């Protein structure tokens, strides 16, 4: 079983839209990082690239489920006569 430095809600992390990553300050001075792709794959551990600390990210996996299928658009209106 892994030991985590802390557990943080996804809402408390900063999202970088350009790189599609979430970050959170690490006590070592760097930042914990977890990618949007990792979250979509069900991963919940953000890692610091400069030290060995791990951060458990608390989030609703359904909010990050990968959208494989395009939503079906209803282009025909139903008219009642």
PDB file of N, CA and C in Angstrom:
ATOM      1  N   UNK A   1       0.842  -1.181   0.000  1.00  0.00           N
ATOM      2  CA  UNK A   1       0.000   0.000   0.000  1.00  0.00           C
ATOM      3  C   UNK A   1       0.884   1.240   0.000  1.00  0.00           C
ATOM      4  N   UNK A   2       0.566   2.182  -0.872  1.00  0.00           N
ATOM      5  CA  UNK A   2       1.354   3.405  -0.975  1.00  0.00           C
ATOM      6  C   UNK A   2       0.981   4.378   0.125  1.00  0.00           C
ATOM      7  N   UNK A   3       1.938   5.187   0.491  1.00  0.00           N
ATOM      8  CA  UNK A   3       1.719   6.218   1.485  1.00  0.00           C
ATOM      9  C   UNK A   3       1.676   7.566   0.761  1.00  0.00           C
ATOM     10  N   UNK A   4       0.664   8.367   1.076  1.00  0.00           N
ATOM     11  CA  UNK A   4       0.479   9.637   0.401  1.00  0.00           C
ATOM     12  C   UNK A   4       0.838  10.791   1.326  1.00  0.00           C
ATOM     13  N   UNK A   5       1.393  11.828   0.741  1.00  0.00           N
ATOM     14  CA  UNK A   5       1.685  13.048   1.490  1.00  0.00           C
ATOM     15  C   UNK A   5       0.379  13.665   1.985  1.00  0.00           C
ATOM     16  N   UNK A   6      -0.638  13.671   1.110  1.00  0.00           N
ATOM     17  CA  UNK A   6      -1.922  14.284   1.450  1.00  0.00           C
ATOM     18  C   UNK A   6      -2.972  13.826   0.445  1.00  0.00           C
ATOM     19  N   UNK A   7      -4.227  14.132   0.748  1.00  0.00           N
ATOM     20  CA  UNK A   7      -5.333  13.924  -0.187  1.00  0.00           C
ATOM     21  C   UNK A   7      -5.916  15.296  -0.494  1.00  0.00           C
ATOM     22  N   UNK A   8      -6.056  15.597  -1.782  1.00  0.00           N
ATOM     23  CA  UNK A   8      -6.521  16.915  -2.221  1.00  0.00           C
ATOM     24  C   UNK A   8      -7.695  16.748  -3.181  1.00  0.00           C
ATOM     25  N   UNK A   9      -8.714  17.578  -2.996  1.00  0.00           N
ATOM     26  CA  UNK A   9      -9.846  17.603  -3.930  1.00  0.00           C
ATOM     27  C   UNK A   9      -9.377  18.196  -5.260  1.00  0.00           C
ATOM     28  N   UNK A  10      -9.872  17.668  -6.362  1.00  0.00           N
ATOM     29  CA  UNK A  10      -9.491  18.145  -7.694  1.00  0.00           C
ATOM     30  C   UNK A  10      -9.776  19.645  -7.838  1.00  0.00           C
ATOM     31  N   UNK A  11     -10.809  20.129  -7.155  1.00  0.00           N
ATOM     32  CA  UNK A  11     -11.179  21.545  -7.231  1.00  0.00           C
ATOM     33  C   UNK A  11     -10.093  22.448  -6.643  1.00  0.00           C
ATOM     34  N   UNK A  12      -9.250  21.897  -5.766  1.00  0.00           N
ATOM     35  CA  UNK A  12      -8.186  22.684  -5.142  1.00  0.00           C
ATOM     36  C   UNK A  12      -6.909  22.718  -5.984  1.00  0.00           C
ATOM     37  N   UNK A  13      -6.900  21.979  -7.078  1.00  0.00           N
ATOM     38  CA  UNK A  13      -5.732  21.948  -7.952  1.00  0.00           C
ATOM     39  C   UNK A  13      -5.897  22.980  -9.064  1.00  0.00           C
ATOM     40  N   UNK A  14      -4.777  23.357  -9.658  1.00  0.00           N
ATOM     41  CA  UNK A  14      -4.787  24.313 -10.756  1.00  0.00           C
ATOM     42  C   UNK A  14      -4.731  23.546 -12.074  1.00  0.00           C
ATOM     43  N   UNK A  15      -5.617  23.930 -13.037  1.00  0.00           N
ATOM     44  CA  UNK A  15      -5.640  23.238 -14.328  1.00  0.00           C
ATOM     45  C   UNK A  15      -4.952  24.077 -15.385  1.00  0.00           C
ATOM     46  N   UNK A  16      -4.013  23.471 -16.096  1.00  0.00           N
ATOM     47  CA  UNK A  16      -3.311  24.103 -17.206  1.00  0.00           C
ATOM     48  C   UNK A  16      -3.953  23.580 -18.487  1.00  0.00           C
ATOM     49  N   UNK A  17      -4.787  24.431 -19.128  1.00  0.00           N
ATOM     50  CA  UNK A  17      -5.529  23.994 -20.313  1.00  0.00           C
ATOM     51  C   UNK A  17      -4.620  23.652 -21.482  1.00  0.00           C
ATOM     52  N   UNK A  18      -3.536  24.394 -21.644  1.00  0.00           N
ATOM     53  CA  UNK A  18      -2.635  24.162 -22.775  1.00  0.00           C
ATOM     54  C   UNK A  18      -1.986  22.791 -22.704  1.00  0.00           C
ATOM     55  N   UNK A  19      -1.534  22.397 -21.512  1.00  0.00           N
ATOM     56  CA  UNK A  19      -0.863  21.106 -21.342  1.00  0.00           C
ATOM     57  C   UNK A  19      -1.785  20.008 -20.825  1.00  0.00           C
ATOM     58  N   UNK A  20      -3.036  20.351 -20.513  1.00  0.00           N
ATOM     59  CA  UNK A  20      -4.033  19.415 -19.991  1.00  0.00           C
ATOM     60  C   UNK A  20      -3.520  18.666 -18.770  1.00  0.00           C
ATOM     61  N   UNK A  21      -3.001  19.428 -17.794  1.00  0.00           N
ATOM     62  CA  UNK A  21      -2.520  18.844 -16.549  1.00  0.00           C
ATOM     63  C   UNK A  21      -3.061  19.620 -15.357  1.00  0.00           C
ATOM     64  N   UNK A  22      -3.209  18.911 -14.258  1.00  0.00           N
ATOM     65  CA  UNK A  22      -3.561  19.525 -12.982  1.00  0.00           C
ATOM     66  C   UNK A  22      -2.293  19.564 -12.136  1.00  0.00           C
ATOM     67  N   UNK A  23      -2.090  20.664 -11.409  1.00  0.00           N
ATOM     68  CA  UNK A  23      -0.916  20.785 -10.551  1.00  0.00           C
ATOM     69  C   UNK A  23      -1.326  21.273  -9.168  1.00  0.00           C
ATOM     70  N   UNK A  24      -0.431  21.006  -8.204  1.00  0.00           N
ATOM     71  CA  UNK A  24      -0.644  21.437  -6.820  1.00  0.00           C
ATOM     72  C   UNK A  24       0.740  21.610  -6.187  1.00  0.00           C
ATOM     73  N   UNK A  25       0.936  22.671  -5.393  1.00  0.00           N
ATOM     74  CA  UNK A  25       2.259  22.911  -4.806  1.00  0.00           C
ATOM     75  C   UNK A  25       2.736  21.765  -3.916  1.00  0.00           C
ATOM     76  N   UNK A  26       4.017  21.421  -4.066  1.00  0.00           N
ATOM     77  CA  UNK A  26       4.663  20.389  -3.251  1.00  0.00           C
ATOM     78  C   UNK A  26       5.544  21.092  -2.210  1.00  0.00           C
ATOM     79  N   UNK A  27       5.685  20.517  -1.023  1.00  0.00           N
ATOM     80  CA  UNK A  27       6.529  21.139  -0.003  1.00  0.00           C
ATOM     81  C   UNK A  27       7.989  21.317  -0.435  1.00  0.00           C
ATOM     82  N   UNK A  28       8.451  20.541  -1.426  1.00  0.00           N
ATOM     83  CA  UNK A  28       9.838  20.652  -1.872  1.00  0.00           C
ATOM     84  C   UNK A  28      10.070  21.886  -2.733  1.00  0.00           C
ATOM     85  N   UNK A  29       8.983  22.565  -3.129  1.00  0.00           N
ATOM     86  CA  UNK A  29       9.105  23.748  -3.970  1.00  0.00           C
ATOM     87  C   UNK A  29       8.669  23.521  -5.406  1.00  0.00           C
ATOM     88  N   UNK A  30       8.545  22.283  -5.812  1.00  0.00           N
ATOM     89  CA  UNK A  30       8.066  21.955  -7.154  1.00  0.00           C
ATOM     90  C   UNK A  30       6.539  21.821  -7.085  1.00  0.00           C
ATOM     91  N   UNK A  31       5.946  21.107  -8.031  1.00  0.00           N
ATOM     92  CA  UNK A  31       4.494  20.932  -8.049  1.00  0.00           C
ATOM     93  C   UNK A  31       4.141  19.476  -8.349  1.00  0.00           C
ATOM     94  N   UNK A  32       3.129  18.964  -7.643  1.00  0.00           N
ATOM     95  CA  UNK A  32       2.563  17.659  -7.986  1.00  0.00           C
ATOM     96  C   UNK A  32       1.883  17.820  -9.339  1.00  0.00           C
ATOM     97  N   UNK A  33       1.909  16.760 -10.155  1.00  0.00           N
ATOM     98  CA  UNK A  33       1.335  16.819 -11.498  1.00  0.00           C
ATOM     99  C   UNK A  33       0.538  15.551 -11.762  1.00  0.00           C
ATOM    100  N   UNK A  34      -0.649  15.743 -12.364  1.00  0.00           N
ATOM    101  CA  UNK A  34      -1.422  14.619 -12.896  1.00  0.00           C
ATOM    102  C   UNK A  34      -2.104  15.118 -14.167  1.00  0.00           C
ATOM    103  N   UNK A  35      -2.069  14.302 -15.205  1.00  0.00           N
ATOM    104  CA  UNK A  35      -2.627  14.728 -16.489  1.00  0.00           C
ATOM    105  C   UNK A  35      -4.119  14.404 -16.575  1.00  0.00           C
ATOM    106  N   UNK A  36      -4.772  15.117 -17.455  1.00  0.00           N
ATOM    107  CA  UNK A  36      -6.186  14.871 -17.725  1.00  0.00           C
ATOM    108  C   UNK A  36      -6.367  13.437 -18.222  1.00  0.00           C
ATOM    109  N   UNK A  37      -5.450  12.966 -19.039  1.00  0.00           N
ATOM    110  CA  UNK A  37      -5.513  11.595 -19.563  1.00  0.00           C
ATOM    111  C   UNK A  37      -5.433  10.566 -18.431  1.00  0.00           C
ATOM    112  N   UNK A  38      -4.546  10.809 -17.455  1.00  0.00           N
ATOM    113  CA  UNK A  38      -4.434   9.891 -16.322  1.00  0.00           C
ATOM    114  C   UNK A  38      -5.749   9.846 -15.542  1.00  0.00           C
ATOM    115  N   UNK A  39      -6.358  10.996 -15.335  1.00  0.00           N
ATOM    116  CA  UNK A  39      -7.642  11.045 -14.624  1.00  0.00           C
ATOM    117  C   UNK A  39      -8.713  10.292 -15.402  1.00  0.00           C
ATOM    118  N   UNK A  40      -8.725  10.464 -16.720  1.00  0.00           N
ATOM    119  CA  UNK A  40      -9.704   9.771 -17.566  1.00  0.00           C
ATOM    120  C   UNK A  40      -9.493   8.263 -17.521  1.00  0.00           C
ATOM    121  N   UNK A  41      -8.262   7.826 -17.268  1.00  0.00           N
ATOM    122  CA  UNK A  41      -7.953   6.402 -17.169  1.00  0.00           C
ATOM    123  C   UNK A  41      -8.172   5.846 -15.766  1.00  0.00           C
ATOM    124  N   UNK A  42      -8.640   6.689 -14.843  1.00  0.00           N
ATOM    125  CA  UNK A  42      -8.931   6.232 -13.497  1.00  0.00           C
ATOM    126  C   UNK A  42      -7.786   6.368 -12.515  1.00  0.00           C
ATOM    127  N   UNK A  43      -6.660   6.929 -12.949  1.00  0.00           N
ATOM    128  CA  UNK A  43      -5.530   7.150 -12.045  1.00  0.00           C
ATOM    129  C   UNK A  43      -5.868   8.303 -11.101  1.00  0.00           C
ATOM    130  N   UNK A  44      -5.418   8.185  -9.851  1.00  0.00           N
ATOM    131  CA  UNK A  44      -5.716   9.251  -8.885  1.00  0.00           C
ATOM    132  C   UNK A  44      -4.492   9.669  -8.075  1.00  0.00           C
ATOM    133  N   UNK A  45      -3.302   9.396  -8.591  1.00  0.00           N
ATOM    134  CA  UNK A  45      -2.073   9.727  -7.887  1.00  0.00           C
ATOM    135  C   UNK A  45      -1.291  10.780  -8.667  1.00  0.00           C
ATOM    136  N   UNK A  46      -1.132  11.962  -8.054  1.00  0.00           N
ATOM    137  CA  UNK A  46      -0.297  13.010  -8.639  1.00  0.00           C
ATOM    138  C   UNK A  46       1.112  12.828  -8.080  1.00  0.00           C
ATOM    139  N   UNK A  47       2.097  12.958  -8.943  1.00  0.00           N
ATOM    140  CA  UNK A  47       3.487  12.751  -8.545  1.00  0.00           C
ATOM    141  C   UNK A  47       4.258  14.061  -8.637  1.00  0.00           C
ATOM    142  N   UNK A  48       5.211  14.237  -7.748  1.00  0.00           N
ATOM    143  CA  UNK A  48       6.123  15.367  -7.825  1.00  0.00           C
ATOM    144  C   UNK A  48       7.341  14.918  -8.611  1.00  0.00           C
ATOM    145  N   UNK A  49       7.728  15.652  -9.657  1.00  0.00           N
ATOM    146  CA  UNK A  49       8.888  15.239 -10.451  1.00  0.00           C
ATOM    147  C   UNK A  49      10.229  15.455  -9.742  1.00  0.00           C
ATOM    148  N   UNK A  50      10.233  16.215  -8.638  1.00  0.00           N
ATOM    149  CA  UNK A  50      11.498  16.534  -7.968  1.00  0.00           C
ATOM    150  C   UNK A  50      11.767  15.755  -6.687  1.00  0.00           C
ATOM    151  N   UNK A  51      10.737  15.120  -6.139  1.00  0.00           N
ATOM    152  CA  UNK A  51      10.937  14.347  -4.915  1.00  0.00           C
ATOM    153  C   UNK A  51      10.070  13.093  -4.965  1.00  0.00           C
ATOM    154  N   UNK A  52      10.022  12.351  -3.898  1.00  0.00           N
ATOM    155  CA  UNK A  52       9.303  11.070  -3.922  1.00  0.00           C
ATOM    156  C   UNK A  52       7.874  11.168  -3.377  1.00  0.00           C
ATOM    157  N   UNK A  53       7.414  12.369  -3.061  1.00  0.00           N
ATOM    158  CA  UNK A  53       6.071  12.501  -2.487  1.00  0.00           C
ATOM    159  C   UNK A  53       4.988  12.224  -3.524  1.00  0.00           C
ATOM    160  N   UNK A  54       3.901  11.632  -3.030  1.00  0.00           N
ATOM    161  CA  UNK A  54       2.727  11.335  -3.848  1.00  0.00           C
ATOM    162  C   UNK A  54       1.516  12.024  -3.238  1.00  0.00           C
ATOM    163  N   UNK A  55       0.594  12.425  -4.083  1.00  0.00           N
ATOM    164  CA  UNK A  55      -0.619  13.109  -3.644  1.00  0.00           C
ATOM    165  C   UNK A  55      -1.814  12.340  -4.169  1.00  0.00           C
ATOM    166  N   UNK A  56      -2.741  11.999  -3.299  1.00  0.00           N
ATOM    167  CA  UNK A  56      -3.966  11.318  -3.733  1.00  0.00           C
ATOM    168  C   UNK A  56      -4.971  12.391  -4.139  1.00  0.00           C
ATOM    169  N   UNK A  57      -5.471  12.295  -5.362  1.00  0.00           N
ATOM    170  CA  UNK A  57      -6.428  13.261  -5.894  1.00  0.00           C
ATOM    171  C   UNK A  57      -7.829  12.694  -5.719  1.00  0.00           C
ATOM    172  N   UNK A  58      -8.672  13.450  -5.043  1.00  0.00           N
ATOM    173  CA  UNK A  58     -10.051  13.034  -4.812  1.00  0.00           C
ATOM    174  C   UNK A  58     -10.917  13.704  -5.881  1.00  0.00           C
ATOM    175  N   UNK A  59     -11.565  12.868  -6.696  1.00  0.00           N
ATOM    176  CA  UNK A  59     -12.401  13.391  -7.775  1.00  0.00           C
ATOM    177  C   UNK A  59     -13.444  12.359  -8.160  1.00  0.00           C
ATOM    178  N   UNK A  60     -14.471  12.809  -8.869  1.00  0.00           N
ATOM    179  CA  UNK A  60     -15.520  11.924  -9.356  1.00  0.00           C
ATOM    180  C   UNK A  60     -15.096  11.412 -10.731  1.00  0.00           C
ATOM    181  N   UNK A  61     -14.773  10.142 -10.816  1.00  0.00           N
ATOM    182  CA  UNK A  61     -14.277   9.558 -12.067  1.00  0.00           C
ATOM    183  C   UNK A  61     -15.266   9.739 -13.218  1.00  0.00           C
ATOM    184  N   UNK A  62     -16.563   9.773 -12.912  1.00  0.00           N
ATOM    185  CA  UNK A  62     -17.563   9.961 -13.963  1.00  0.00           C
ATOM    186  C   UNK A  62     -17.426  11.316 -14.647  1.00  0.00           C
ATOM    187  N   UNK A  63     -16.935  12.324 -13.905  1.00  0.00           N
ATOM    188  CA  UNK A  63     -16.752  13.652 -14.479  1.00  0.00           C
ATOM    189  C   UNK A  63     -15.606  13.686 -15.487  1.00  0.00           C
ATOM    190  N   UNK A  64     -14.718  12.689 -15.430  1.00  0.00           N
ATOM    191  CA  UNK A  64     -13.548  12.663 -16.293  1.00  0.00           C
ATOM    192  C   UNK A  64     -13.541  11.481 -17.243  1.00  0.00           C
ATOM    193  N   UNK A  65     -14.666  10.805 -17.376  1.00  0.00           N
ATOM    194  CA  UNK A  65     -14.745   9.647 -18.266  1.00  0.00           C
ATOM    195  C   UNK A  65     -14.448  10.088 -19.695  1.00  0.00           C
ATOM    196  N   UNK A  66     -13.616   9.346 -20.374  1.00  0.00           N
ATOM    197  CA  UNK A  66     -13.277   9.661 -21.765  1.00  0.00           C
ATOM    198  C   UNK A  66     -14.516   9.501 -22.624  1.00  0.00           C
ATOM    199  N   UNK A  67     -14.720  10.476 -23.493  1.00  0.00           N
ATOM    200  CA  UNK A  67     -15.894  10.435 -24.362  1.00  0.00           C
ATOM    201  C   UNK A  67     -15.490   9.812 -25.691  1.00  0.00           C
ATOM    202  N   UNK A  68     -15.738   8.513 -25.813  1.00  0.00           N
ATOM    203  CA  UNK A  68     -15.376   7.801 -27.032  1.00  0.00           C
ATOM    204  C   UNK A  68     -16.401   8.014 -28.139  1.00  0.00           C
ATOM    205  N   UNK A  69     -17.651   8.161 -27.745  1.00  0.00           N
ATOM    206  CA  UNK A  69     -18.720   8.290 -28.726  1.00  0.00           C
ATOM    207  C   UNK A  69     -19.206   9.730 -28.786  1.00  0.00           C
ATOM    208  N   UNK A  70     -19.521  10.148 -29.988  1.00  0.00           N
ATOM    209  CA  UNK A  70     -20.103  11.470 -30.161  1.00  0.00           C
ATOM    210  C   UNK A  70     -21.555  11.421 -29.679  1.00  0.00           C
ATOM    211  N   UNK A  71     -22.009  12.493 -29.042  1.00  0.00           N
ATOM    212  CA  UNK A  71     -23.411  12.499 -28.626  1.00  0.00           C
ATOM    213  C   UNK A  71     -24.327  12.495 -29.846  1.00  0.00           C
ATOM    214  N   UNK A  72     -25.452  11.846 -29.707  1.00  0.00           N
ATOM    215  CA  UNK A  72     -26.419  11.769 -30.802  1.00  0.00           C
ATOM    216  C   UNK A  72     -27.260  13.041 -30.781  1.00  0.00           C
ATOM    217  N   UNK A  73     -27.283  13.730 -31.915  1.00  0.00           N
ATOM    218  CA  UNK A  73     -28.079  14.947 -32.008  1.00  0.00           C
ATOM    219  C   UNK A  73     -29.425  14.616 -32.609  1.00  0.00           C
ATOM    220  N   UNK A  74     -30.455  15.155 -31.991  1.00  0.00           N
ATOM    221  CA  UNK A  74     -31.789  14.979 -32.533  1.00  0.00           C
ATOM    222  C   UNK A  74     -32.086  16.181 -33.404  1.00  0.00           C
ATOM    223  N   UNK A  75     -32.073  15.986 -34.709  1.00  0.00           N
ATOM    224  CA  UNK A  75     -32.248  17.103 -35.629  1.00  0.00           C
ATOM    225  C   UNK A  75     -33.673  17.229 -36.127  1.00  0.00           C
ATOM    226  N   UNK A  76     -34.516  16.295 -35.782  1.00  0.00           N
ATOM    227  CA  UNK A  76     -35.894  16.315 -36.242  1.00  0.00           C
ATOM    228  C   UNK A  76     -36.812  16.626 -35.064  1.00  0.00           C
ATOM    229  N   UNK A  77     -37.567  17.684 -35.194  1.00  0.00           N
ATOM    230  CA  UNK A  77     -38.515  18.056 -34.134  1.00  0.00           C
ATOM    231  C   UNK A  77     -39.789  17.254 -34.324  1.00  0.00           C
ATOM    232  N   UNK A  78     -40.410  16.856 -33.236  1.00  0.00           N
ATOM    233  CA  UNK A  78     -41.662  16.122 -33.307  1.00  0.00           C
ATOM    234  C   UNK A  78     -42.796  17.135 -33.193  1.00  0.00           C
ATOM    235  N   UNK A  79     -43.696  17.081 -34.137  1.00  0.00           N
ATOM    236  CA  UNK A  79     -44.816  18.019 -34.156  1.00  0.00           C
ATOM    237  C   UNK A  79     -46.097  17.260 -33.865  1.00  0.00           C
ATOM    238  N   UNK A  80     -46.885  17.792 -32.943  1.00  0.00           N
ATOM    239  CA  UNK A  80     -48.166  17.172 -32.630  1.00  0.00           C
ATOM    240  C   UNK A  80     -49.244  17.879 -33.443  1.00  0.00           C
ATOM    241  N   UNK A  81     -50.021  17.100 -34.199  1.00  0.00           N
ATOM    242  CA  UNK A  81     -51.038  17.687 -35.082  1.00  0.00           C
ATOM    243  C   UNK A  81     -52.321  17.938 -34.360  1.00  0.00           C
TER     244      UNK A  81
END
